[in-house]
Amino acid sequence: MITKIKIKLSTIISLCAMSFIAYYILVCDNVFNASVSAIIAWSHQLSMNKHLAVLALIPIYIAVIIFGAALLGIYLGGLLQAIIKSYKRRAPQQS
């Protein structure tokens, strides 16, 4: 049985925004020092065991950021759609 998935424009816009934010966090060096290169540079100061543990956890960190951004984008898209729908109901009909 094939089910249709309805993806609204607001969900697509919020997913694009969240994917840009995830890209910015993972790739660009910013104030948070949360990019992958900043984490690797920081891990060079640690002892060998801790350095290897940090490097082993980087794929999990990347997955959490990507899937978290996707979930947040879907949630915010639905929330934005509900706000637009409630605004349309309250707006007076002009004829």
PDB file of N, CA and C in Angstrom:
ATOM      1  N   MET A   1       0.849  -1.171   0.000  1.00  0.00           N
ATOM      2  CA  MET A   1       0.000   0.000   0.000  1.00  0.00           C
ATOM      3  C   MET A   1       0.898   1.239   0.000  1.00  0.00           C
ATOM      4  N   ILE A   2       0.656   2.102  -0.948  1.00  0.00           N
ATOM      5  CA  ILE A   2       1.448   3.325  -1.066  1.00  0.00           C
ATOM      6  C   ILE A   2       0.645   4.467  -0.472  1.00  0.00           C
ATOM      7  N   THR A   3       1.284   5.182   0.430  1.00  0.00           N
ATOM      8  CA  THR A   3       0.623   6.341   1.027  1.00  0.00           C
ATOM      9  C   THR A   3       1.265   7.604   0.484  1.00  0.00           C
ATOM     10  N   LYS A   4       0.461   8.613   0.325  1.00  0.00           N
ATOM     11  CA  LYS A   4       0.961   9.892  -0.156  1.00  0.00           C
ATOM     12  C   LYS A   4       1.390  10.736   1.038  1.00  0.00           C
ATOM     13  N   ILE A   5       2.518  11.350   0.889  1.00  0.00           N
ATOM     14  CA  ILE A   5       3.019  12.243   1.931  1.00  0.00           C
ATOM     15  C   ILE A   5       2.852  13.665   1.418  1.00  0.00           C
ATOM     16  N   LYS A   6       2.131  14.463   2.182  1.00  0.00           N
ATOM     17  CA  LYS A   6       1.923  15.848   1.801  1.00  0.00           C
ATOM     18  C   LYS A   6       3.000  16.705   2.456  1.00  0.00           C
ATOM     19  N   ILE A   7       3.750  17.370   1.631  1.00  0.00           N
ATOM     20  CA  ILE A   7       4.767  18.284   2.130  1.00  0.00           C
ATOM     21  C   ILE A   7       4.360  19.687   1.693  1.00  0.00           C
ATOM     22  N   LYS A   8       4.119  20.511   2.654  1.00  0.00           N
ATOM     23  CA  LYS A   8       3.683  21.875   2.380  1.00  0.00           C
ATOM     24  C   LYS A   8       4.899  22.748   2.074  1.00  0.00           C
ATOM     25  N   LEU A   9       4.641  23.904   1.482  1.00  0.00           N
ATOM     26  CA  LEU A   9       5.698  24.846   1.148  1.00  0.00           C
ATOM     27  C   LEU A   9       6.406  25.350   2.400  1.00  0.00           C
ATOM     28  N   SER A  10       5.659  25.543   3.472  1.00  0.00           N
ATOM     29  CA  SER A  10       6.279  26.018   4.711  1.00  0.00           C
ATOM     30  C   SER A  10       7.248  24.989   5.274  1.00  0.00           C
ATOM     31  N   THR A  11       6.949  23.712   5.123  1.00  0.00           N
ATOM     32  CA  THR A  11       7.854  22.660   5.583  1.00  0.00           C
ATOM     33  C   THR A  11       9.116  22.643   4.742  1.00  0.00           C
ATOM     34  N   ILE A  12       8.984  22.820   3.438  1.00  0.00           N
ATOM     35  CA  ILE A  12      10.153  22.844   2.564  1.00  0.00           C
ATOM     36  C   ILE A  12      11.040  24.035   2.892  1.00  0.00           C
ATOM     37  N   ILE A  13      10.437  25.196   3.128  1.00  0.00           N
ATOM     38  CA  ILE A  13      11.204  26.388   3.467  1.00  0.00           C
ATOM     39  C   ILE A  13      11.924  26.208   4.794  1.00  0.00           C
ATOM     40  N   SER A  14      11.232  25.664   5.785  1.00  0.00           N
ATOM     41  CA  SER A  14      11.876  25.482   7.087  1.00  0.00           C
ATOM     42  C   SER A  14      12.959  24.406   7.034  1.00  0.00           C
ATOM     43  N   LEU A  15      12.769  23.360   6.222  1.00  0.00           N
ATOM     44  CA  LEU A  15      13.812  22.355   6.047  1.00  0.00           C
ATOM     45  C   LEU A  15      15.042  22.947   5.375  1.00  0.00           C
ATOM     46  N   CYS A  16      14.839  23.809   4.401  1.00  0.00           N
ATOM     47  CA  CYS A  16      15.976  24.468   3.749  1.00  0.00           C
ATOM     48  C   CYS A  16      16.720  25.372   4.732  1.00  0.00           C
ATOM     49  N   ALA A  17      15.970  26.102   5.542  1.00  0.00           N
ATOM     50  CA  ALA A  17      16.604  26.980   6.532  1.00  0.00           C
ATOM     51  C   ALA A  17      17.378  26.166   7.567  1.00  0.00           C
ATOM     52  N   MET A  18      16.795  25.072   8.043  1.00  0.00           N
ATOM     53  CA  MET A  18      17.481  24.247   9.040  1.00  0.00           C
ATOM     54  C   MET A  18      18.696  23.541   8.454  1.00  0.00           C
ATOM     55  N   SER A  19      18.619  23.153   7.180  1.00  0.00           N
ATOM     56  CA  SER A  19      19.791  22.514   6.572  1.00  0.00           C
ATOM     57  C   SER A  19      20.924  23.526   6.385  1.00  0.00           C
ATOM     58  N   PHE A  20      20.581  24.775   6.090  1.00  0.00           N
ATOM     59  CA  PHE A  20      21.607  25.813   6.003  1.00  0.00           C
ATOM     60  C   PHE A  20      22.244  26.053   7.367  1.00  0.00           C
ATOM     61  N   ILE A  21      21.434  26.077   8.422  1.00  0.00           N
ATOM     62  CA  ILE A  21      21.967  26.273   9.773  1.00  0.00           C
ATOM     63  C   ILE A  21      22.848  25.095  10.179  1.00  0.00           C
ATOM     64  N   ALA A  22      22.432  23.880   9.843  1.00  0.00           N
ATOM     65  CA  ALA A  22      23.254  22.697  10.155  1.00  0.00           C
ATOM     66  C   ALA A  22      24.571  22.748   9.396  1.00  0.00           C
ATOM     67  N   TYR A  23      24.531  23.134   8.140  1.00  0.00           N
ATOM     68  CA  TYR A  23      25.755  23.286   7.358  1.00  0.00           C
ATOM     69  C   TYR A  23      26.667  24.329   7.986  1.00  0.00           C
ATOM     70  N   TYR A  24      26.098  25.444   8.398  1.00  0.00           N
ATOM     71  CA  TYR A  24      26.877  26.518   9.015  1.00  0.00           C
ATOM     72  C   TYR A  24      27.526  26.044  10.314  1.00  0.00           C
ATOM     73  N   ILE A  25      26.793  25.290  11.117  1.00  0.00           N
ATOM     74  CA  ILE A  25      27.341  24.786  12.378  1.00  0.00           C
ATOM     75  C   ILE A  25      28.456  23.786  12.130  1.00  0.00           C
ATOM     76  N   LEU A  26      28.274  22.889  11.166  1.00  0.00           N
ATOM     77  CA  LEU A  26      29.248  21.819  10.936  1.00  0.00           C
ATOM     78  C   LEU A  26      30.494  22.260  10.176  1.00  0.00           C
ATOM     79  N   VAL A  27      30.369  23.215   9.276  1.00  0.00           N
ATOM     80  CA  VAL A  27      31.481  23.536   8.393  1.00  0.00           C
ATOM     81  C   VAL A  27      32.173  24.847   8.757  1.00  0.00           C
ATOM     82  N   CYS A  28      31.420  25.869   9.055  1.00  0.00           N
ATOM     83  CA  CYS A  28      32.008  27.186   9.257  1.00  0.00           C
ATOM     84  C   CYS A  28      32.468  27.362  10.696  1.00  0.00           C
ATOM     85  N   ASP A  29      33.644  27.953  10.847  1.00  0.00           N
ATOM     86  CA  ASP A  29      34.123  28.287  12.190  1.00  0.00           C
ATOM     87  C   ASP A  29      33.369  29.523  12.653  1.00  0.00           C
ATOM     88  N   ASN A  30      32.727  29.402  13.799  1.00  0.00           N
ATOM     89  CA  ASN A  30      31.922  30.495  14.312  1.00  0.00           C
ATOM     90  C   ASN A  30      32.213  30.701  15.796  1.00  0.00           C
ATOM     91  N   VAL A  31      31.390  31.465  16.444  1.00  0.00           N
ATOM     92  CA  VAL A  31      31.588  31.799  17.853  1.00  0.00           C
ATOM     93  C   VAL A  31      31.464  30.565  18.743  1.00  0.00           C
ATOM     94  N   PHE A  32      30.657  29.602  18.346  1.00  0.00           N
ATOM     95  CA  PHE A  32      30.379  28.445  19.197  1.00  0.00           C
ATOM     96  C   PHE A  32      31.501  27.413  19.212  1.00  0.00           C
ATOM     97  N   ASN A  33      32.449  27.482  18.271  1.00  0.00           N
ATOM     98  CA  ASN A  33      33.512  26.481  18.122  1.00  0.00           C
ATOM     99  C   ASN A  33      32.919  25.077  18.021  1.00  0.00           C
ATOM    100  N   ALA A  34      31.872  24.934  17.239  1.00  0.00           N
ATOM    101  CA  ALA A  34      31.182  23.655  17.102  1.00  0.00           C
ATOM    102  C   ALA A  34      31.406  23.018  15.745  1.00  0.00           C
ATOM    103  N   SER A  35      32.254  23.610  14.905  1.00  0.00           N
ATOM    104  CA  SER A  35      32.499  23.000  13.601  1.00  0.00           C
ATOM    105  C   SER A  35      33.384  21.776  13.773  1.00  0.00           C
ATOM    106  N   VAL A  36      33.372  20.928  12.771  1.00  0.00           N
ATOM    107  CA  VAL A  36      34.146  19.695  12.832  1.00  0.00           C
ATOM    108  C   VAL A  36      35.640  20.014  12.904  1.00  0.00           C
ATOM    109  N   SER A  37      36.079  21.002  12.142  1.00  0.00           N
ATOM    110  CA  SER A  37      37.504  21.351  12.169  1.00  0.00           C
ATOM    111  C   SER A  37      37.917  21.916  13.523  1.00  0.00           C
ATOM    112  N   ALA A  38      37.040  22.679  14.177  1.00  0.00           N
ATOM    113  CA  ALA A  38      37.356  23.206  15.501  1.00  0.00           C
ATOM    114  C   ALA A  38      37.430  22.083  16.537  1.00  0.00           C
ATOM    115  N   ILE A  39      36.557  21.101  16.406  1.00  0.00           N
ATOM    116  CA  ILE A  39      36.581  19.964  17.339  1.00  0.00           C
ATOM    117  C   ILE A  39      37.849  19.135  17.139  1.00  0.00           C
ATOM    118  N   ILE A  40      38.246  18.925  15.892  1.00  0.00           N
ATOM    119  CA  ILE A  40      39.473  18.166  15.628  1.00  0.00           C
ATOM    120  C   ILE A  40      40.691  18.934  16.131  1.00  0.00           C
ATOM    121  N   ALA A  41      40.722  20.250  15.906  1.00  0.00           N
ATOM    122  CA  ALA A  41      41.843  21.056  16.401  1.00  0.00           C
ATOM    123  C   ALA A  41      41.901  21.028  17.920  1.00  0.00           C
ATOM    124  N   TRP A  42      40.747  21.069  18.568  1.00  0.00           N
ATOM    125  CA  TRP A  42      40.710  21.013  20.033  1.00  0.00           C
ATOM    126  C   TRP A  42      41.153  19.644  20.539  1.00  0.00           C
ATOM    127  N   SER A  43      40.821  18.595  19.803  1.00  0.00           N
ATOM    128  CA  SER A  43      41.149  17.254  20.266  1.00  0.00           C
ATOM    129  C   SER A  43      42.646  16.959  20.187  1.00  0.00           C
ATOM    130  N   HIS A  44      43.411  17.728  19.415  1.00  0.00           N
ATOM    131  CA  HIS A  44      44.853  17.514  19.340  1.00  0.00           C
ATOM    132  C   HIS A  44      45.543  17.830  20.668  1.00  0.00           C
ATOM    133  N   GLN A  45      44.897  18.596  21.522  1.00  0.00           N
ATOM    134  CA  GLN A  45      45.485  18.953  22.812  1.00  0.00           C
ATOM    135  C   GLN A  45      45.270  17.874  23.869  1.00  0.00           C
ATOM    136  N   LEU A  46      44.422  16.907  23.587  1.00  0.00           N
ATOM    137  CA  LEU A  46      44.084  15.882  24.564  1.00  0.00           C
ATOM    138  C   LEU A  46      45.085  14.730  24.525  1.00  0.00           C
ATOM    139  N   SER A  47      44.999  13.884  25.538  1.00  0.00           N
ATOM    140  CA  SER A  47      45.824  12.675  25.524  1.00  0.00           C
ATOM    141  C   SER A  47      45.333  11.741  24.424  1.00  0.00           C
ATOM    142  N   MET A  48      46.112  10.724  24.124  1.00  0.00           N
ATOM    143  CA  MET A  48      45.807   9.850  22.979  1.00  0.00           C
ATOM    144  C   MET A  48      44.465   9.143  23.126  1.00  0.00           C
ATOM    145  N   ASN A  49      44.144   8.640  24.321  1.00  0.00           N
ATOM    146  CA  ASN A  49      42.871   7.936  24.508  1.00  0.00           C
ATOM    147  C   ASN A  49      41.682   8.875  24.316  1.00  0.00           C
ATOM    148  N   LYS A  50      41.768  10.050  24.899  1.00  0.00           N
ATOM    149  CA  LYS A  50      40.674  11.012  24.760  1.00  0.00           C
ATOM    150  C   LYS A  50      40.586  11.536  23.328  1.00  0.00           C
ATOM    151  N   HIS A  51      41.727  11.703  22.686  1.00  0.00           N
ATOM    152  CA  HIS A  51      41.753  12.162  21.297  1.00  0.00           C
ATOM    153  C   HIS A  51      41.031  11.161  20.392  1.00  0.00           C
ATOM    154  N   LEU A  52      41.309   9.900  20.570  1.00  0.00           N
ATOM    155  CA  LEU A  52      40.647   8.874  19.763  1.00  0.00           C
ATOM    156  C   LEU A  52      39.159   8.772  20.083  1.00  0.00           C
ATOM    157  N   ALA A  53      38.803   8.985  21.352  1.00  0.00           N
ATOM    158  CA  ALA A  53      37.378   8.955  21.728  1.00  0.00           C
ATOM    159  C   ALA A  53      36.622  10.101  21.067  1.00  0.00           C
ATOM    160  N   VAL A  54      37.224  11.285  21.052  1.00  0.00           N
ATOM    161  CA  VAL A  54      36.574  12.439  20.409  1.00  0.00           C
ATOM    162  C   VAL A  54      36.443  12.197  18.912  1.00  0.00           C
ATOM    163  N   LEU A  55      37.474  11.678  18.286  1.00  0.00           N
ATOM    164  CA  LEU A  55      37.410  11.402  16.850  1.00  0.00           C
ATOM    165  C   LEU A  55      36.404  10.304  16.530  1.00  0.00           C
ATOM    166  N   ALA A  56      36.220   9.353  17.443  1.00  0.00           N
ATOM    167  CA  ALA A  56      35.231   8.294  17.222  1.00  0.00           C
ATOM    168  C   ALA A  56      33.808   8.822  17.367  1.00  0.00           C
ATOM    169  N   LEU A  57      33.624   9.876  18.150  1.00  0.00           N
ATOM    170  CA  LEU A  57      32.283  10.427  18.368  1.00  0.00           C
ATOM    171  C   LEU A  57      31.879  11.475  17.331  1.00  0.00           C
ATOM    172  N   ILE A  58      32.791  11.895  16.468  1.00  0.00           N
ATOM    173  CA  ILE A  58      32.453  12.912  15.470  1.00  0.00           C
ATOM    174  C   ILE A  58      31.349  12.465  14.515  1.00  0.00           C
ATOM    175  N   PRO A  59      31.330  11.223  14.000  1.00  0.00           N
ATOM    176  CA  PRO A  59      30.201  10.830  13.133  1.00  0.00           C
ATOM    177  C   PRO A  59      28.849  10.874  13.852  1.00  0.00           C
ATOM    178  N   ILE A  60      28.843  10.542  15.129  1.00  0.00           N
ATOM    179  CA  ILE A  60      27.601  10.624  15.901  1.00  0.00           C
ATOM    180  C   ILE A  60      27.178  12.084  16.044  1.00  0.00           C
ATOM    181  N   TYR A  61      28.133  12.972  16.280  1.00  0.00           N
ATOM    182  CA  TYR A  61      27.846  14.408  16.389  1.00  0.00           C
ATOM    183  C   TYR A  61      27.257  14.939  15.085  1.00  0.00           C
ATOM    184  N   ILE A  62      27.839  14.548  13.960  1.00  0.00           N
ATOM    185  CA  ILE A  62      27.338  15.003  12.661  1.00  0.00           C
ATOM    186  C   ILE A  62      25.923  14.481  12.422  1.00  0.00           C
ATOM    187  N   ALA A  63      25.677  13.219  12.762  1.00  0.00           N
ATOM    188  CA  ALA A  63      24.345  12.641  12.575  1.00  0.00           C
ATOM    189  C   ALA A  63      23.312  13.339  13.457  1.00  0.00           C
ATOM    190  N   VAL A  64      23.666  13.642  14.679  1.00  0.00           N
ATOM    191  CA  VAL A  64      22.736  14.328  15.591  1.00  0.00           C
ATOM    192  C   VAL A  64      22.392  15.713  15.049  1.00  0.00           C
ATOM    193  N   ILE A  65      23.381  16.437  14.548  1.00  0.00           N
ATOM    194  CA  ILE A  65      23.121  17.769  13.996  1.00  0.00           C
ATOM    195  C   ILE A  65      22.220  17.678  12.761  1.00  0.00           C
ATOM    196  N   ILE A  66      22.494  16.747  11.867  1.00  0.00           N
ATOM    197  CA  ILE A  66      21.716  16.640  10.628  1.00  0.00           C
ATOM    198  C   ILE A  66      20.285  16.185  10.907  1.00  0.00           C
ATOM    199  N   PHE A  67      20.118  15.113  11.686  1.00  0.00           N
ATOM    200  CA  PHE A  67      18.769  14.622  11.957  1.00  0.00           C
ATOM    201  C   PHE A  67      17.999  15.568  12.881  1.00  0.00           C
ATOM    202  N   GLY A  68      18.707  16.229  13.779  1.00  0.00           N
ATOM    203  CA  GLY A  68      18.047  17.232  14.620  1.00  0.00           C
ATOM    204  C   GLY A  68      17.542  18.400  13.797  1.00  0.00           C
ATOM    205  N   ALA A  69      18.334  18.820  12.827  1.00  0.00           N
ATOM    206  CA  ALA A  69      17.902  19.906  11.946  1.00  0.00           C
ATOM    207  C   ALA A  69      16.701  19.479  11.114  1.00  0.00           C
ATOM    208  N   ALA A  70      16.690  18.229  10.651  1.00  0.00           N
ATOM    209  CA  ALA A  70      15.548  17.740   9.865  1.00  0.00           C
ATOM    210  C   ALA A  70      14.284  17.688  10.717  1.00  0.00           C
ATOM    211  N   LEU A  71      14.400  17.162  11.931  1.00  0.00           N
ATOM    212  CA  LEU A  71      13.226  17.108  12.811  1.00  0.00           C
ATOM    213  C   LEU A  71      12.725  18.499  13.176  1.00  0.00           C
ATOM    214  N   LEU A  72      13.651  19.396  13.470  1.00  0.00           N
ATOM    215  CA  LEU A  72      13.261  20.759  13.805  1.00  0.00           C
ATOM    216  C   LEU A  72      12.632  21.469  12.614  1.00  0.00           C
ATOM    217  N   GLY A  73      13.147  21.203  11.414  1.00  0.00           N
ATOM    218  CA  GLY A  73      12.563  21.797  10.209  1.00  0.00           C
ATOM    219  C   GLY A  73      11.153  21.312   9.952  1.00  0.00           C
ATOM    220  N   ILE A  74      10.916  20.023  10.140  1.00  0.00           N
ATOM    221  CA  ILE A  74       9.562  19.484   9.955  1.00  0.00           C
ATOM    222  C   ILE A  74       8.611  20.043  11.010  1.00  0.00           C
ATOM    223  N   TYR A  75       9.072  20.118  12.247  1.00  0.00           N
ATOM    224  CA  TYR A  75       8.233  20.658  13.323  1.00  0.00           C
ATOM    225  C   TYR A  75       7.906  22.125  13.077  1.00  0.00           C
ATOM    226  N   LEU A  76       8.915  22.925  12.741  1.00  0.00           N
ATOM    227  CA  LEU A  76       8.669  24.349  12.509  1.00  0.00           C
ATOM    228  C   LEU A  76       7.816  24.582  11.273  1.00  0.00           C
ATOM    229  N   GLY A  77       7.948  23.716  10.259  1.00  0.00           N
ATOM    230  CA  GLY A  77       7.100  23.833   9.074  1.00  0.00           C
ATOM    231  C   GLY A  77       5.639  23.580   9.398  1.00  0.00           C
ATOM    232  N   GLY A  78       5.368  22.567  10.204  1.00  0.00           N
ATOM    233  CA  GLY A  78       3.994  22.304  10.633  1.00  0.00           C
ATOM    234  C   GLY A  78       3.441  23.415  11.507  1.00  0.00           C
ATOM    235  N   LEU A  79       4.291  23.946  12.379  1.00  0.00           N
ATOM    236  CA  LEU A  79       3.871  25.052  13.241  1.00  0.00           C
ATOM    237  C   LEU A  79       3.567  26.296  12.412  1.00  0.00           C
ATOM    238  N   LEU A  80       4.410  26.564  11.431  1.00  0.00           N
ATOM    239  CA  LEU A  80       4.178  27.710  10.551  1.00  0.00           C
ATOM    240  C   LEU A  80       2.900  27.525   9.739  1.00  0.00           C
ATOM    241  N   GLN A  81       2.651  26.306   9.295  1.00  0.00           N
ATOM    242  CA  GLN A  81       1.421  26.028   8.549  1.00  0.00           C
ATOM    243  C   GLN A  81       0.192  26.230   9.423  1.00  0.00           C
ATOM    244  N   ALA A  82       0.251  25.831  10.684  1.00  0.00           N
ATOM    245  CA  ALA A  82      -0.875  26.027  11.603  1.00  0.00           C
ATOM    246  C   ALA A  82      -1.103  27.515  11.874  1.00  0.00           C
ATOM    247  N   ILE A  83      -0.033  28.279  11.983  1.00  0.00           N
ATOM    248  CA  ILE A  83      -0.178  29.724  12.203  1.00  0.00           C
ATOM    249  C   ILE A  83      -0.809  30.383  10.987  1.00  0.00           C
ATOM    250  N   ILE A  84      -0.382  29.988   9.788  1.00  0.00           N
ATOM    251  CA  ILE A  84      -0.958  30.554   8.567  1.00  0.00           C
ATOM    252  C   ILE A  84      -2.425  30.178   8.447  1.00  0.00           C
ATOM    253  N   LYS A  85      -2.753  28.932   8.786  1.00  0.00           N
ATOM    254  CA  LYS A  85      -4.150  28.482   8.697  1.00  0.00           C
ATOM    255  C   LYS A  85      -5.038  29.238   9.676  1.00  0.00           C
ATOM    256  N   SER A  86      -4.545  29.468  10.896  1.00  0.00           N
ATOM    257  CA  SER A  86      -5.351  30.214  11.872  1.00  0.00           C
ATOM    258  C   SER A  86      -5.475  31.676  11.475  1.00  0.00           C
ATOM    259  N   TYR A  87      -4.458  32.223  10.834  1.00  0.00           N
ATOM    260  CA  TYR A  87      -4.531  33.600  10.369  1.00  0.00           C
ATOM    261  C   TYR A  87      -5.536  33.737   9.236  1.00  0.00           C
ATOM    262  N   LYS A  88      -5.595  32.748   8.362  1.00  0.00           N
ATOM    263  CA  LYS A  88      -6.562  32.792   7.264  1.00  0.00           C
ATOM    264  C   LYS A  88      -7.995  32.715   7.775  1.00  0.00           C
ATOM    265  N   ARG A  89      -8.223  31.963   8.854  1.00  0.00           N
ATOM    266  CA  ARG A  89      -9.578  31.873   9.412  1.00  0.00           C
ATOM    267  C   ARG A  89     -10.009  33.181  10.054  1.00  0.00           C
ATOM    268  N   ARG A  90      -9.053  33.880  10.676  1.00  0.00           N
ATOM    269  CA  ARG A  90      -9.414  35.139  11.350  1.00  0.00           C
ATOM    270  C   ARG A  90      -9.502  36.313  10.407  1.00  0.00           C
ATOM    271  N   ALA A  91      -8.862  36.246   9.251  1.00  0.00           N
ATOM    272  CA  ALA A  91      -8.874  37.353   8.312  1.00  0.00           C
ATOM    273  C   ALA A  91     -10.264  37.503   7.715  1.00  0.00           C
ATOM    274  N   PRO A  92     -10.748  38.738   7.611  1.00  0.00           N
ATOM    275  CA  PRO A  92     -12.077  38.956   7.028  1.00  0.00           C
ATOM    276  C   PRO A  92     -12.051  38.660   5.530  1.00  0.00           C
ATOM    277  N   GLN A  93     -13.133  38.074   5.070  1.00  0.00           N
ATOM    278  CA  GLN A  93     -13.267  37.742   3.651  1.00  0.00           C
ATOM    279  C   GLN A  93     -13.616  38.996   2.874  1.00  0.00           C
ATOM    280  N   GLN A  94     -12.815  39.292   1.868  1.00  0.00           N
ATOM    281  CA  GLN A  94     -13.082  40.470   1.025  1.00  0.00           C
ATOM    282  C   GLN A  94     -13.658  40.007  -0.304  1.00  0.00           C
ATOM    283  N   SER A  95     -14.769  40.604  -0.686  1.00  0.00           N
ATOM    284  CA  SER A  95     -15.398  40.222  -1.948  1.00  0.00           C
ATOM    285  C   SER A  95     -15.478  41.387  -2.872  1.00  0.00           C
TER     286      SER A  95
END
